[in-house]
Amino acid sequence: QFQLVESGGGLVQSGGSLRLSCAASGYTLDPYVIGWFRQAPGNQREWVASIGTSANYADSVKDRFTLSKDNTENTVYLEMNILKPEDTAVYYCNIADFWGQGTQVTVSA
C-alpha cells in the first residue's frame, strides 16, 4: 500500500511562498492521480489541486499554486505563491484511498 509523507508547511506572511512535498513509498507515482486537499478549522476538507497526465487546480488557487511531479524521487510538489490568510489549513496529499498525515500551513495577515 502507499505511504505518503507531507512536509514543507510552516508560518509565512501574506504574499509569501511555500513549497509542500508529498513523498510516496510502496508504489511508483507514475500511473496514479495525486491530489492535494486542505482542511481549515471548522471547515470540511476541500480539494486544492491534482496531477496525473496534467494538473488541475481549484479556482481559489489557480495562478498561485503549481503542481509538479518528480518520478525519480517519487515525490509531488505543491509550489504555493502569493499566499493569503485564507490559505491557512492543514494540507494533505492523497492517492486513491491513501492519505498522508498532513502539514500545517499558516499565513499571517
C-alpha atoms as a PDB file:
ATOM      1  CA  GLN A   1       0.000   0.000   0.000  1.00  0.00           C
ATOM      2  CA  PHE A   2       1.009   3.607  -0.428  1.00  0.00           C
ATOM      3  CA  GLN A   3       2.636   5.550   2.363  1.00  0.00           C
ATOM      4  CA  LEU A   4       2.505   9.309   1.902  1.00  0.00           C
ATOM      5  CA  VAL A   5       4.501  11.830   3.899  1.00  0.00           C
ATOM      6  CA  GLU A   6       3.877  15.551   3.528  1.00  0.00           C
ATOM      7  CA  SER A   7       6.387  18.194   4.531  1.00  0.00           C
ATOM      8  CA  GLY A   8       7.191  21.833   3.917  1.00  0.00           C
ATOM      9  CA  GLY A   9       4.461  23.553   5.844  1.00  0.00           C
ATOM     10  CA  GLY A  10       5.089  26.454   8.174  1.00  0.00           C
ATOM     11  CA  LEU A  11       4.271  30.025   9.066  1.00  0.00           C
ATOM     12  CA  VAL A  12       4.543  32.654   6.348  1.00  0.00           C
ATOM     13  CA  GLN A  13       3.376  36.220   5.891  1.00  0.00           C
ATOM     14  CA  SER A  14       0.657  37.132   3.441  1.00  0.00           C
ATOM     15  CA  GLY A  15       2.132  37.331  -0.048  1.00  0.00           C
ATOM     16  CA  GLY A  16       4.832  34.809   0.763  1.00  0.00           C
ATOM     17  CA  SER A  17       5.573  31.378  -0.664  1.00  0.00           C
ATOM     18  CA  LEU A  18       5.957  27.801   0.499  1.00  0.00           C
ATOM     19  CA  ARG A  19       6.683  24.535  -1.250  1.00  0.00           C
ATOM     20  CA  LEU A  20       4.992  21.426   0.055  1.00  0.00           C
ATOM     21  CA  SER A  21       6.289  17.939  -0.689  1.00  0.00           C
ATOM     22  CA  CYS A  22       4.450  14.637  -0.766  1.00  0.00           C
ATOM     23  CA  ALA A  23       6.898  11.738  -0.707  1.00  0.00           C
ATOM     24  CA  ALA A  24       5.391   8.398  -1.651  1.00  0.00           C
ATOM     25  CA  SER A  25       6.567   4.876  -0.947  1.00  0.00           C
ATOM     26  CA  GLY A  26       5.085   1.488  -1.645  1.00  0.00           C
ATOM     27  CA  TYR A  27       4.311   2.118  -5.301  1.00  0.00           C
ATOM     28  CA  THR A  28       5.575   4.377  -8.030  1.00  0.00           C
ATOM     29  CA  LEU A  29       3.555   7.517  -8.582  1.00  0.00           C
ATOM     30  CA  ASP A  30       3.540   7.488 -12.335  1.00  0.00           C
ATOM     31  CA  PRO A  31       0.243   5.789 -13.171  1.00  0.00           C
ATOM     32  CA  TYR A  32      -1.741   7.491 -10.433  1.00  0.00           C
ATOM     33  CA  VAL A  33      -3.533  10.791  -9.943  1.00  0.00           C
ATOM     34  CA  ILE A  34      -2.174  12.573  -6.879  1.00  0.00           C
ATOM     35  CA  GLY A  35      -4.353  15.100  -5.152  1.00  0.00           C
ATOM     36  CA  TRP A  36      -3.779  17.832  -2.599  1.00  0.00           C
ATOM     37  CA  PHE A  37      -6.556  18.739  -0.196  1.00  0.00           C
ATOM     38  CA  ARG A  38      -6.749  21.147   2.717  1.00  0.00           C
ATOM     39  CA  GLN A  39      -8.818  21.496   5.831  1.00  0.00           C
ATOM     40  CA  ALA A  40      -9.147  24.664   7.868  1.00  0.00           C
ATOM     41  CA  PRO A  41     -10.535  24.580  11.427  1.00  0.00           C
ATOM     42  CA  GLY A  42     -14.298  24.193  11.378  1.00  0.00           C
ATOM     43  CA  ASN A  43     -14.364  23.541   7.631  1.00  0.00           C
ATOM     44  CA  GLN A  44     -14.711  20.438   5.523  1.00  0.00           C
ATOM     45  CA  ARG A  45     -11.703  19.088   3.687  1.00  0.00           C
ATOM     46  CA  GLU A  46     -11.572  20.654   0.235  1.00  0.00           C
ATOM     47  CA  TRP A  47      -9.793  19.751  -2.957  1.00  0.00           C
ATOM     48  CA  VAL A  48      -6.944  22.071  -3.934  1.00  0.00           C
ATOM     49  CA  ALA A  49      -5.237  20.524  -6.943  1.00  0.00           C
ATOM     50  CA  SER A  50      -4.387  17.238  -8.600  1.00  0.00           C
ATOM     51  CA  ILE A  51      -1.890  15.927 -11.113  1.00  0.00           C
ATOM     52  CA  GLY A  52      -1.900  12.927 -13.383  1.00  0.00           C
ATOM     53  CA  THR A  53      -1.013  13.435 -17.016  1.00  0.00           C
ATOM     54  CA  SER A  54      -1.906  17.101 -16.459  1.00  0.00           C
ATOM     55  CA  ALA A  55      -2.543  19.353 -13.493  1.00  0.00           C
ATOM     56  CA  ASN A  56      -5.840  20.830 -12.386  1.00  0.00           C
ATOM     57  CA  TYR A  57      -6.485  23.477  -9.763  1.00  0.00           C
ATOM     58  CA  ALA A  58      -9.343  24.824  -7.700  1.00  0.00           C
ATOM     59  CA  ASP A  59     -10.377  28.313  -8.739  1.00  0.00           C
ATOM     60  CA  SER A  60      -9.267  29.666  -5.363  1.00  0.00           C
ATOM     61  CA  VAL A  61      -5.623  28.719  -6.021  1.00  0.00           C
ATOM     62  CA  LYS A  62      -5.376  28.857  -9.790  1.00  0.00           C
ATOM     63  CA  ASP A  63      -2.494  31.039 -10.993  1.00  0.00           C
ATOM     64  CA  ARG A  64      -0.943  30.997  -7.490  1.00  0.00           C
ATOM     65  CA  PHE A  65      -0.242  27.292  -6.887  1.00  0.00           C
ATOM     66  CA  THR A  66       1.710  24.969  -9.164  1.00  0.00           C
ATOM     67  CA  LEU A  67       1.997  21.190  -9.029  1.00  0.00           C
ATOM     68  CA  SER A  68       4.956  19.203 -10.240  1.00  0.00           C
ATOM     69  CA  LYS A  69       5.944  15.568 -10.052  1.00  0.00           C
ATOM     70  CA  ASP A  70       9.417  14.051  -9.791  1.00  0.00           C
ATOM     71  CA  ASN A  71       9.166  10.413 -10.797  1.00  0.00           C
ATOM     72  CA  THR A  72      12.783   9.668  -9.867  1.00  0.00           C
ATOM     73  CA  GLU A  73      12.153  10.912  -6.322  1.00  0.00           C
ATOM     74  CA  ASN A  74       8.584   9.553  -6.267  1.00  0.00           C
ATOM     75  CA  THR A  75       7.539  12.921  -4.898  1.00  0.00           C
ATOM     76  CA  VAL A  76       4.922  15.514  -5.780  1.00  0.00           C
ATOM     77  CA  TYR A  77       5.494  19.181  -5.035  1.00  0.00           C
ATOM     78  CA  LEU A  78       2.950  21.927  -4.475  1.00  0.00           C
ATOM     79  CA  GLU A  79       4.511  25.334  -5.004  1.00  0.00           C
ATOM     80  CA  MET A  80       2.331  27.953  -3.305  1.00  0.00           C
ATOM     81  CA  ASN A  81       2.840  31.614  -4.113  1.00  0.00           C
ATOM     82  CA  ILE A  82       1.064  34.850  -3.190  1.00  0.00           C
ATOM     83  CA  LEU A  83      -0.262  33.117  -0.091  1.00  0.00           C
ATOM     84  CA  LYS A  84      -3.301  34.578   1.631  1.00  0.00           C
ATOM     85  CA  PRO A  85      -4.593  34.169   5.194  1.00  0.00           C
ATOM     86  CA  GLU A  86      -7.481  32.123   3.784  1.00  0.00           C
ATOM     87  CA  ASP A  87      -4.940  29.541   2.593  1.00  0.00           C
ATOM     88  CA  THR A  88      -4.302  28.659   6.238  1.00  0.00           C
ATOM     89  CA  ALA A  89      -5.119  24.974   6.710  1.00  0.00           C
ATOM     90  CA  VAL A  90      -3.679  21.526   7.138  1.00  0.00           C
ATOM     91  CA  TYR A  91      -2.666  20.281   3.695  1.00  0.00           C
ATOM     92  CA  TYR A  92      -2.940  16.603   2.798  1.00  0.00           C
ATOM     93  CA  CYS A  93      -1.868  14.604  -0.204  1.00  0.00           C
ATOM     94  CA  ASN A  94      -3.954  11.724  -1.452  1.00  0.00           C
ATOM     95  CA  ILE A  95      -3.710   8.773  -3.801  1.00  0.00           C
ATOM     96  CA  ALA A  96      -6.784   6.559  -4.121  1.00  0.00           C
ATOM     97  CA  ASP A  97      -7.724   5.600  -0.535  1.00  0.00           C
ATOM     98  CA  PHE A  98      -4.403   6.657   0.954  1.00  0.00           C
ATOM     99  CA  TRP A  99      -3.740   9.900   2.824  1.00  0.00           C
ATOM    100  CA  GLY A 100      -0.731  11.461   4.411  1.00  0.00           C
ATOM    101  CA  GLN A 101      -0.682  12.847   7.936  1.00  0.00           C
ATOM    102  CA  GLY A 102      -0.889  16.444   6.755  1.00  0.00           C
ATOM    103  CA  THR A 103       1.298  19.506   7.093  1.00  0.00           C
ATOM    104  CA  GLN A 104       0.186  22.787   8.654  1.00  0.00           C
ATOM    105  CA  VAL A 105       0.294  25.964   6.611  1.00  0.00           C
ATOM    106  CA  THR A 106      -0.352  29.222   8.444  1.00  0.00           C
ATOM    107  CA  VAL A 107      -0.466  32.534   6.618  1.00  0.00           C
ATOM    108  CA  SER A 108      -0.421  35.648   8.772  1.00  0.00           C
ATOM    109  CA  ALA A 109      -2.062  38.875   7.646  1.00  0.00           C
END
